[in-house]
Protein backbone atom coordinates (compact mmCIF):
# COMPACT_ATOMS: atom_id res chain seq x y z
CA MET A 1 302.20 -36.54 -109.99
CA ASN A 2 301.19 -33.53 -107.94
CA ALA A 3 297.91 -33.44 -106.04
CA LEU A 4 294.94 -32.11 -108.01
CA GLN A 5 293.97 -28.48 -107.59
CA LYS A 6 290.56 -27.84 -106.05
CA ILE A 7 288.03 -25.02 -105.83
CA ARG A 8 286.11 -24.65 -102.58
CA LEU A 9 282.36 -24.16 -103.19
CA PHE A 10 279.48 -24.70 -100.80
CA SER A 11 281.95 -25.99 -98.14
CA LEU A 12 283.12 -28.72 -100.55
CA ASP A 13 286.54 -29.08 -102.18
CA ILE A 14 285.83 -29.78 -105.83
CA VAL A 15 288.48 -30.99 -108.27
CA ASN A 16 289.74 -28.52 -110.84
CA ALA A 17 291.58 -30.61 -113.44
CA ILE A 18 291.31 -32.07 -116.88
CA ALA A 19 289.80 -35.59 -117.15
CA GLU A 20 293.14 -37.22 -117.86
CA ASP A 21 294.79 -35.93 -114.71
CA ALA A 22 291.71 -36.66 -112.54
CA LEU A 23 291.55 -40.27 -113.76
CA GLU A 24 295.28 -40.78 -113.20
CA GLN A 25 294.90 -39.80 -109.58
CA MET A 26 291.73 -41.75 -109.01
CA LEU A 27 293.21 -44.96 -110.49
CA LYS A 28 296.56 -44.59 -108.80
CA PRO A 29 297.50 -47.92 -107.13
CA GLY A 30 298.19 -48.29 -103.39
CA ALA A 31 295.05 -46.85 -101.75
CA ARG A 32 291.31 -47.11 -101.59
CA ARG A 33 289.65 -44.04 -103.11
CA THR A 34 286.12 -42.74 -103.36
CA ALA A 35 284.77 -40.36 -106.02
CA ALA A 36 281.49 -38.52 -106.45
CA PHE A 37 280.03 -36.05 -108.94
CA VAL A 38 278.63 -32.75 -107.79
CA ASN A 39 276.12 -30.74 -109.80
CA ALA A 40 273.51 -28.05 -109.05
CA HIS A 41 270.97 -30.67 -107.96
CA CYS A 42 273.53 -32.27 -105.61
CA VAL A 43 274.18 -28.88 -103.97
CA ASN A 44 270.46 -28.31 -103.44
CA VAL A 45 270.00 -31.83 -101.93
CA ALA A 46 273.08 -31.46 -99.70
CA ALA A 47 271.70 -28.15 -98.33
CA LYS A 48 268.68 -30.05 -96.99
CA THR A 49 270.27 -33.44 -96.21
CA PRO A 50 273.10 -33.38 -93.63
CA VAL A 51 273.93 -37.07 -94.06
CA TYR A 52 274.52 -36.47 -97.79
CA THR A 53 276.81 -33.56 -97.01
CA TRP A 54 278.70 -35.88 -94.65
CA ALA A 55 279.04 -38.51 -97.40
CA LEU A 56 280.32 -35.98 -99.94
CA LYS A 57 282.92 -34.68 -97.53
CA LYS A 58 284.21 -38.21 -96.96
CA ALA A 59 284.89 -38.68 -100.71
CA ASP A 60 288.47 -38.29 -101.90
CA PHE A 61 287.44 -36.73 -105.24
CA LEU A 62 284.43 -34.48 -105.87
CA LEU A 63 284.09 -33.87 -109.60
CA PRO A 64 282.33 -30.77 -111.08
CA ASP A 65 279.35 -31.82 -113.23
CA GLY A 66 277.48 -29.24 -115.32
CA SER A 67 277.23 -25.52 -115.95
CA GLY A 68 275.83 -24.80 -112.48
CA LEU A 69 279.18 -25.48 -110.80
CA GLN A 70 280.90 -23.42 -113.48
CA LEU A 71 278.53 -20.52 -112.72
CA ALA A 72 279.24 -20.75 -109.00
CA ALA A 73 282.97 -20.72 -109.60
CA LYS A 74 282.78 -17.79 -112.03
CA LEU A 75 280.80 -15.71 -109.54
CA GLN A 76 283.82 -16.05 -107.24
CA GLY A 77 286.34 -15.15 -109.94
CA GLN A 78 287.40 -18.75 -110.65
CA ARG A 79 286.76 -21.33 -113.34
CA PHE A 80 286.86 -25.08 -113.73
CA VAL A 81 289.20 -26.14 -116.57
CA GLU A 82 286.87 -28.98 -117.58
CA ASN A 83 283.36 -30.23 -117.00
CA LEU A 84 283.90 -33.69 -115.54
CA ASN A 85 280.38 -35.15 -115.89
CA GLY A 86 279.96 -38.86 -115.32
CA THR A 87 278.70 -39.86 -118.77
CA ASP A 88 281.61 -38.24 -120.61
CA LEU A 89 284.11 -39.61 -118.08
CA PHE A 90 282.75 -43.14 -118.60
CA VAL A 91 284.60 -43.63 -121.94
CA PRO A 92 288.14 -42.71 -120.85
CA LEU A 93 287.58 -44.57 -117.53
CA CYS A 94 286.70 -47.81 -119.37
CA ARG A 95 289.61 -47.43 -121.78
CA LYS A 96 292.14 -46.72 -119.02
CA ALA A 97 290.83 -49.66 -117.00
CA ALA A 98 291.14 -51.97 -119.95
CA ALA A 99 294.64 -50.73 -120.80
CA ARG A 100 295.79 -51.41 -117.22
CA GLY A 101 294.01 -54.75 -116.78
CA LEU A 102 291.62 -53.34 -114.13
CA SER A 103 288.15 -54.83 -113.73
CA ILE A 104 284.85 -52.99 -113.14
CA TYR A 105 281.78 -54.04 -111.15
CA PHE A 106 278.49 -52.34 -112.14
CA LEU A 107 276.03 -51.91 -109.26
CA GLY A 108 272.73 -50.10 -109.56
CA SER A 109 269.72 -49.04 -111.70
CA ALA A 110 266.87 -51.29 -112.70
CA ASP A 111 267.08 -55.02 -113.32
CA GLY A 112 269.21 -55.75 -116.38
CA VAL A 113 270.37 -52.13 -116.89
CA ALA A 114 273.75 -52.60 -115.18
CA HIS A 115 274.37 -55.62 -117.42
CA LYS A 116 273.55 -53.62 -120.59
CA ALA A 117 275.82 -50.79 -119.41
CA SER A 118 278.63 -53.33 -118.95
CA GLU A 119 278.12 -54.51 -122.51
CA ALA A 120 278.34 -50.95 -123.71
CA ALA A 121 281.59 -50.60 -121.75
CA ARG A 122 282.99 -53.66 -123.52
CA ARG A 123 282.08 -52.14 -126.88
CA ILE A 124 284.00 -49.00 -125.90
CA ALA A 125 287.00 -51.02 -124.61
CA PRO A 126 286.84 -54.65 -125.84
CA ALA A 127 289.64 -55.74 -123.50
CA LEU A 128 287.78 -54.49 -120.42
CA LYS A 129 287.25 -57.04 -117.65
CA VAL A 130 283.71 -56.92 -116.18
CA ALA A 131 283.90 -58.23 -112.62
CA GLY A 132 280.13 -58.46 -112.21
CA THR A 133 276.81 -56.66 -112.27
CA HIS A 134 273.86 -56.28 -109.89
CA HIS A 135 270.69 -54.14 -109.97
CA GLY A 136 270.09 -51.40 -107.47
CA TYR A 137 266.82 -52.59 -105.99
CA PHE A 138 268.03 -54.24 -102.82
CA SER A 139 267.39 -53.80 -99.11
CA SER A 140 269.83 -53.33 -96.26
CA ARG A 141 269.48 -57.06 -95.54
CA ASP A 142 271.16 -57.76 -98.93
CA GLU A 143 274.19 -55.48 -98.38
CA ASP A 144 276.44 -58.10 -96.85
CA ARG A 145 275.80 -60.48 -99.71
CA ILE A 146 276.37 -57.86 -102.36
CA ILE A 147 279.60 -56.57 -100.76
CA ASP A 148 280.85 -60.18 -100.43
CA ASP A 149 280.06 -60.64 -104.12
CA ILE A 150 281.97 -57.47 -105.05
CA ASN A 151 285.02 -58.52 -103.06
CA ALA A 152 284.92 -62.09 -104.35
CA SER A 153 284.87 -60.80 -107.92
CA GLY A 154 288.20 -59.06 -107.37
CA ALA A 155 286.84 -55.83 -108.81
CA ASP A 156 289.31 -52.96 -108.99
CA ILE A 157 286.62 -50.38 -109.71
CA VAL A 158 283.04 -50.30 -108.49
CA LEU A 159 280.53 -47.96 -110.18
CA VAL A 160 277.42 -47.38 -108.06
CA ALA A 161 274.24 -46.04 -109.71
CA LEU A 162 271.69 -45.69 -106.94
CA GLY A 163 270.84 -42.00 -107.49
CA VAL A 164 271.46 -38.94 -105.28
CA PRO A 165 271.81 -38.97 -102.35
CA GLN A 166 271.42 -42.74 -101.74
CA GLN A 167 274.49 -43.87 -103.70
CA ASP A 168 277.00 -41.60 -102.01
CA VAL A 169 275.55 -42.27 -98.54
CA TRP A 170 275.73 -46.04 -99.25
CA ILE A 171 279.31 -45.74 -100.44
CA ALA A 172 280.36 -43.69 -97.41
CA ARG A 173 278.81 -46.18 -94.99
CA ASN A 174 280.32 -49.28 -96.67
CA ARG A 175 283.57 -48.05 -98.23
CA HIS A 176 285.75 -49.58 -95.51
CA ARG A 177 284.28 -53.00 -96.34
CA ILE A 178 284.94 -52.83 -100.09
CA ASN A 179 288.37 -53.85 -101.34
CA ALA A 180 288.25 -52.13 -104.72
CA ARG A 181 290.77 -49.49 -105.62
CA LEU A 182 288.10 -46.99 -106.63
CA VAL A 183 284.40 -46.74 -105.73
CA MET A 184 282.44 -44.03 -107.59
CA GLY A 185 278.80 -42.88 -107.52
CA VAL A 186 277.62 -42.37 -111.07
CA GLY A 187 273.93 -41.41 -110.92
CA ALA A 188 272.02 -42.06 -114.13
CA GLN A 189 275.09 -43.16 -116.08
CA PHE A 190 273.96 -46.78 -116.57
CA ASP A 191 270.61 -45.55 -117.95
CA PHE A 192 272.42 -43.54 -120.65
CA TRP A 193 274.90 -46.18 -121.68
CA SER A 194 272.38 -49.04 -121.64
CA GLY A 195 270.14 -47.03 -123.98
CA ARG A 196 267.32 -46.88 -121.45
CA VAL A 197 267.43 -43.04 -121.50
CA SER A 198 268.50 -41.12 -124.63
CA ARG A 199 271.36 -38.71 -124.24
CA ALA A 200 271.22 -35.04 -125.20
CA PRO A 201 272.60 -33.95 -128.62
CA ARG A 202 276.28 -33.04 -128.62
CA ALA A 203 275.49 -29.33 -129.16
CA LEU A 204 273.66 -29.16 -125.78
CA ARG A 205 276.30 -31.25 -124.04
CA THR A 206 279.13 -29.04 -125.33
CA VAL A 207 277.65 -25.94 -123.70
CA GLY A 208 276.76 -27.73 -120.46
CA MET A 209 273.01 -27.68 -121.04
CA GLU A 210 272.26 -31.40 -121.00
CA TRP A 211 269.69 -30.75 -118.32
CA MET A 212 267.44 -29.08 -120.95
CA TRP A 213 267.22 -32.36 -122.80
CA ARG A 214 266.44 -34.37 -119.66
CA LEU A 215 263.69 -31.93 -118.74
CA ALA A 216 262.20 -32.24 -122.27
CA ILE A 217 262.16 -36.05 -122.32
CA GLU A 218 261.16 -36.56 -118.63
CA PRO A 219 259.21 -33.35 -117.73
CA ARG A 220 257.22 -34.82 -114.85
CA ARG A 221 260.20 -36.42 -113.10
CA MET A 222 262.61 -33.57 -113.75
CA PHE A 223 260.28 -30.61 -113.18
CA THR A 224 261.15 -30.07 -109.50
CA ARG A 225 264.87 -30.75 -110.06
CA TYR A 226 265.30 -28.17 -112.79
CA VAL A 227 262.31 -25.76 -112.89
CA VAL A 228 262.33 -25.29 -109.11
CA GLY A 229 265.88 -26.37 -108.33
CA ASN A 230 267.86 -24.30 -110.81
CA PRO A 231 266.64 -20.92 -109.45
CA GLN A 232 267.29 -22.19 -105.92
CA PHE A 233 270.84 -23.10 -106.92
CA MET A 234 271.42 -19.73 -108.56
CA LEU A 235 270.35 -17.98 -105.32
CA ARG A 236 272.71 -20.21 -103.30
CA ALA A 237 275.60 -19.49 -105.69
CA TRP A 238 274.98 -15.73 -105.50
CA THR A 239 274.60 -15.77 -101.71
CA GLU A 240 277.83 -17.71 -101.25
CA ALA A 241 279.78 -15.39 -103.52
CA ARG A 242 278.45 -12.37 -101.60
CA SER A 243 279.31 -13.94 -98.24
CA LYS A 244 282.92 -14.50 -99.42
CA GLY A 245 283.23 -10.90 -100.51
CA ALA A 246 283.60 -11.99 -104.14
CA MET A 247 280.87 -9.64 -105.28
CA PRO A 248 282.19 -6.15 -104.51
CA ALA A 249 280.35 -3.08 -105.68
CA VAL A 250 282.74 -2.70 -108.60
CA ASP A 251 280.80 -2.28 -111.83
CA ALA A 252 283.09 -4.55 -113.89
CA ARG A 253 282.58 -7.48 -111.49
CA GLY A 254 278.95 -6.70 -110.92
CA LYS A 255 278.27 -6.53 -114.66
CA ARG A 256 279.90 -9.94 -115.19
CA ALA A 257 277.85 -11.41 -112.33
CA LEU A 258 274.73 -9.95 -113.95
CA ASP A 259 275.77 -11.46 -117.32
CA LEU A 260 276.39 -14.89 -115.81
CA LEU A 261 273.14 -15.03 -113.83
CA GLY A 262 271.15 -13.49 -116.68
CA SER A 263 272.48 -15.87 -119.36
CA PHE A 264 272.02 -18.92 -117.13
CA ALA A 265 268.43 -17.93 -116.31
CA GLY A 266 267.73 -17.04 -119.93
CA ILE A 267 268.96 -20.35 -121.26
CA PHE A 268 266.93 -22.16 -118.63
CA PHE A 269 263.75 -20.13 -119.23
CA PHE A 270 263.91 -20.17 -123.05
CA ALA A 271 265.07 -23.79 -123.47
CA PRO A 272 261.69 -25.14 -124.64
CA LEU A 273 261.23 -22.18 -127.01
CA MET A 274 264.70 -22.63 -128.50
CA MET A 275 264.01 -26.29 -129.21
CA MET A 276 260.77 -25.39 -131.02
CA ILE A 277 262.61 -22.72 -133.04
CA ALA A 278 265.29 -25.20 -134.05
CA LEU A 279 262.65 -27.62 -135.27
CA ALA A 280 260.83 -24.94 -137.28
CA ILE A 281 264.05 -23.82 -138.98
CA LYS A 282 264.92 -27.38 -140.02
CA LEU A 283 261.37 -27.93 -141.36
CA GLU A 284 261.33 -24.81 -143.51
CA SER A 285 264.73 -24.90 -145.26
CA ARG A 286 267.86 -26.96 -145.59
CA GLY A 287 270.89 -25.97 -143.64
CA PRO A 288 272.14 -25.71 -140.08
CA VAL A 289 269.96 -24.51 -137.21
CA PHE A 290 272.63 -22.07 -135.99
CA PHE A 291 274.33 -19.33 -137.97
CA ARG A 292 277.93 -18.72 -136.95
CA GLN A 293 279.74 -15.55 -137.97
CA THR A 294 282.93 -13.80 -137.07
CA ARG A 295 282.27 -10.49 -135.28
CA ILE A 296 284.51 -7.95 -133.58
CA GLY A 297 284.40 -7.77 -129.81
CA ARG A 298 286.00 -5.74 -127.03
CA GLY A 299 289.35 -4.26 -127.99
CA GLY A 300 288.91 -5.25 -131.65
CA GLN A 301 289.24 -9.00 -130.90
CA PRO A 302 287.32 -11.32 -133.18
CA PHE A 303 284.94 -13.98 -131.89
CA THR A 304 282.26 -16.26 -133.28
CA VAL A 305 278.71 -15.06 -132.67
CA LEU A 306 275.78 -17.50 -132.56
CA LYS A 307 272.31 -16.82 -133.97
CA PHE A 308 269.42 -18.87 -135.13
CA ARG A 309 269.62 -19.07 -138.91
CA SER A 310 267.06 -16.67 -140.31
CA MET A 311 268.24 -16.71 -143.93
CA TYR A 312 268.71 -19.20 -146.74
CA ARG A 313 272.05 -21.02 -146.94
CA ASP A 314 273.45 -18.82 -149.72
CA ALA A 315 272.77 -15.53 -147.85
CA GLU A 316 276.39 -14.52 -147.43
CA ALA A 317 277.16 -15.08 -151.14
CA ARG A 318 274.22 -12.79 -152.07
CA ARG A 319 275.08 -10.02 -149.61
CA ALA A 320 277.35 -7.99 -151.89
CA ALA A 321 274.69 -7.74 -154.61
CA LEU A 322 272.17 -6.30 -152.06
CA LEU A 323 274.31 -3.65 -150.40
CA ALA A 324 272.82 -0.90 -152.55
CA GLN A 325 269.35 -1.78 -151.13
CA SER A 326 270.27 -0.97 -147.54
CA ASP A 327 267.59 0.90 -145.66
CA ARG A 328 270.04 2.26 -143.07
CA ALA A 329 272.33 5.20 -143.82
CA GLY A 330 276.01 4.46 -143.16
CA ILE A 331 278.17 1.41 -143.02
CA CYS A 332 275.90 -1.22 -141.48
CA PHE A 333 273.66 -3.04 -143.95
CA LYS A 334 269.90 -3.47 -143.13
CA SER A 335 267.04 -4.15 -145.53
CA LYS A 336 263.34 -4.40 -144.67
CA ASN A 337 262.66 -6.60 -147.70
CA ASP A 338 265.81 -8.69 -147.72
CA PRO A 339 265.00 -11.61 -150.08
CA ARG A 340 267.50 -13.81 -148.28
CA VAL A 341 265.31 -14.03 -145.14
CA THR A 342 263.13 -17.11 -144.69
CA ARG A 343 259.50 -16.98 -143.53
CA ILE A 344 260.36 -18.30 -140.11
CA GLY A 345 263.35 -15.93 -140.15
CA ARG A 346 261.09 -12.90 -140.50
CA LEU A 347 259.13 -13.96 -137.46
CA LEU A 348 262.30 -14.59 -135.47
CA ARG A 349 263.71 -11.15 -136.42
CA ARG A 350 260.39 -9.44 -135.66
CA PHE A 351 260.66 -10.47 -132.01
CA SER A 352 264.51 -10.72 -131.90
CA LEU A 353 264.27 -14.47 -131.24
CA ASP A 354 267.11 -15.16 -133.68
CA GLU A 355 269.40 -13.59 -131.07
CA LEU A 356 268.62 -16.09 -128.30
CA PRO A 357 271.68 -18.35 -128.95
CA GLN A 358 273.84 -15.35 -128.03
CA LEU A 359 273.01 -16.25 -124.40
CA PHE A 360 275.73 -18.85 -124.88
CA ASN A 361 278.13 -16.09 -126.08
CA ILE A 362 277.30 -14.18 -122.92
CA TRP A 363 277.88 -17.27 -120.77
CA ARG A 364 281.29 -17.82 -122.39
CA GLY A 365 282.25 -14.18 -121.86
CA ASP A 366 282.46 -13.08 -125.49
CA MET A 367 279.51 -10.75 -124.94
CA GLY A 368 277.50 -9.07 -122.21
CA ILE A 369 273.78 -8.75 -121.87
CA VAL A 370 274.10 -5.01 -122.53
CA GLY A 371 276.62 -3.34 -124.81
CA PRO A 372 277.18 -2.20 -128.39
CA ARG A 373 276.10 -4.74 -130.95
CA PRO A 374 279.09 -6.74 -132.33
CA ALA A 375 280.09 -5.48 -135.77
CA LEU A 376 281.38 -7.38 -138.81
CA PRO A 377 285.14 -7.10 -139.54
CA GLN A 378 284.55 -5.20 -142.79
CA GLU A 379 282.35 -2.72 -140.96
CA VAL A 380 285.05 -2.10 -138.34
CA GLU A 381 287.65 -1.58 -141.09
CA ALA A 382 285.47 1.16 -142.54
CA TYR A 383 284.86 2.88 -139.14
CA PRO A 384 285.72 6.59 -138.87
CA PRO A 385 288.01 7.27 -135.92
CA GLU A 386 285.22 8.36 -133.59
CA ALA A 387 283.38 5.09 -134.09
CA ARG A 388 286.19 2.99 -132.57
CA GLU A 389 285.25 4.14 -129.09
CA ARG A 390 282.41 1.61 -129.16
CA LEU A 391 285.01 -1.18 -129.18
CA ILE A 392 286.14 -0.24 -125.71
CA GLY A 393 283.20 -2.08 -124.20
CA LYS A 394 282.21 -5.72 -124.47
CA PRO A 395 279.54 -6.15 -127.21
CA GLY A 396 276.02 -6.91 -125.99
CA LEU A 397 272.74 -8.56 -126.78
CA THR A 398 270.93 -5.28 -126.23
CA GLY A 399 271.84 -1.62 -125.73
CA LEU A 400 270.84 1.99 -126.02
CA TRP A 401 270.15 2.05 -129.74
CA GLN A 402 268.21 -1.24 -129.61
CA VAL A 403 265.73 0.13 -127.13
CA SER A 404 265.52 3.39 -129.07
CA GLY A 405 264.45 2.05 -132.41
CA ARG A 406 266.97 -0.57 -133.55
CA ALA A 407 267.42 -0.51 -137.29
CA GLU A 408 265.54 2.80 -137.61
CA ILE A 409 268.52 4.45 -135.86
CA GLY A 410 271.10 5.71 -138.38
CA PHE A 411 274.77 4.72 -138.15
CA ASN A 412 276.02 8.06 -136.78
CA LYS A 413 273.37 8.21 -134.09
CA MET A 414 274.08 4.52 -133.18
CA ILE A 415 277.74 5.34 -132.75
CA HIS A 416 276.92 8.30 -130.51
CA MET A 417 274.64 6.16 -128.35
CA ASP A 418 277.14 3.33 -128.06
CA SER A 419 279.96 5.71 -127.19
CA ALA A 420 277.83 7.31 -124.52
CA TYR A 421 277.07 3.88 -123.05
CA VAL A 422 280.73 2.71 -122.83
CA ARG A 423 281.66 5.95 -121.10
CA SER A 424 278.94 5.58 -118.41
CA ARG A 425 278.19 1.83 -118.22
CA SER A 426 277.13 0.45 -114.86
CA VAL A 427 275.11 -2.37 -113.35
CA PHE A 428 272.14 -0.03 -112.71
CA LEU A 429 272.21 1.27 -116.26
CA ASP A 430 272.29 -2.33 -117.58
CA ILE A 431 269.28 -3.27 -115.43
CA ALA A 432 267.35 -0.27 -116.77
CA LEU A 433 268.22 -1.15 -120.41
CA ILE A 434 267.26 -4.78 -119.89
CA THR A 435 263.88 -3.62 -118.64
CA LEU A 436 263.43 -1.33 -121.68
CA THR A 437 264.45 -4.16 -124.00
CA VAL A 438 261.40 -6.18 -123.01
CA ARG A 439 259.19 -3.30 -124.22
CA ALA A 440 261.23 -2.94 -127.43
CA VAL A 441 260.92 -6.59 -128.28
CA PHE A 442 257.11 -6.60 -127.89
CA THR A 443 256.60 -3.41 -129.92
CA GLY A 444 258.92 -4.73 -132.63
CA ARG A 445 259.95 -1.21 -133.64
CA GLY A 446 262.93 -1.25 -136.01
CA ALA A 447 263.19 -5.04 -136.13
CA TYR A 448 263.85 -6.49 -139.58
């Protein structure tokens, strides 16, 4: 098997591979290997802790963990094919170890937690051999005894959960004394799998925003890491991209950088509000929190747009019967007194809060912060020829017509504004429109 591809970020060579390929290389017989996970917090700590940077550089495999690393890669025109966070990797690691007859030693966390994590591993892979467990509250005087115990157990894999940066520094200093095939620092993984700390819902994990959940359940402990640390990391990612010449003054690249940084900051800033909105939606009416709908993006390509659900579940079925009540002239349907809208939905629409999930569309690249609003397929089919010019640009969360009156702007004028934007779009114009959007949201003009 060929060596794994890597992306160099923050002077570290970080694996760019799917989980299957990464595990195959890490578990390959015939050598002693070390693995560590790298996320935004790790980068911040390494910037201030030289010994931790030394330890990371000694590892054979540095695995990208979380959306922060993806952001840093994207700013340099690259992307990781998969988020290889430790908790998700735990399941395939245990199953592969069991299938190959490899044993695992669990070292770290509070007393009894490593043992509970090992029991969870056995439930995942009943044939797994657990070589041993030991808590992480030990002094340097106990190291010889613990290492002797690991070696005597015949462990093939050692998972070390001592936290950052202690675990990786400990591994780097003692790796030559440990006979196991693979030694890996795993952070809070034992806490999750033992049930000591609840894991984020799958929806947040899927979009790489598990940190929002951890901040919500442990605000005091995680405040500095995320509220202070995330902006610091964003600045580091931007600075590195600039230093490598990856941020030229080309508007297309500059706009994408603005979209990435803006969506990342927006998701971070609005995370508590989005959680409260989700709860309010569930309390008022039955149905999903998010509304997913096919819209038409740049070049006429369809994509799935995300919004907070502001209507009752049967809204789409009732749409055709309400078309005659549209308050906007032209193709696009808008009604001030739409009976399909819930009470919480009216409040969300008044302040455009139903659009917040589109920050995830922006992060994925389906949309930009600024651009023409994405249209429905049936609306695009009915476009006159001059309206198709608005499809040249990537659709956006806000734009010229939104800051000029939103739904009070007629279809023809909207098309004129969107066409003017796609012909003259630039980073500076986007920044100006973002600033005007704040005013438009608070005045609420044309929002319904």
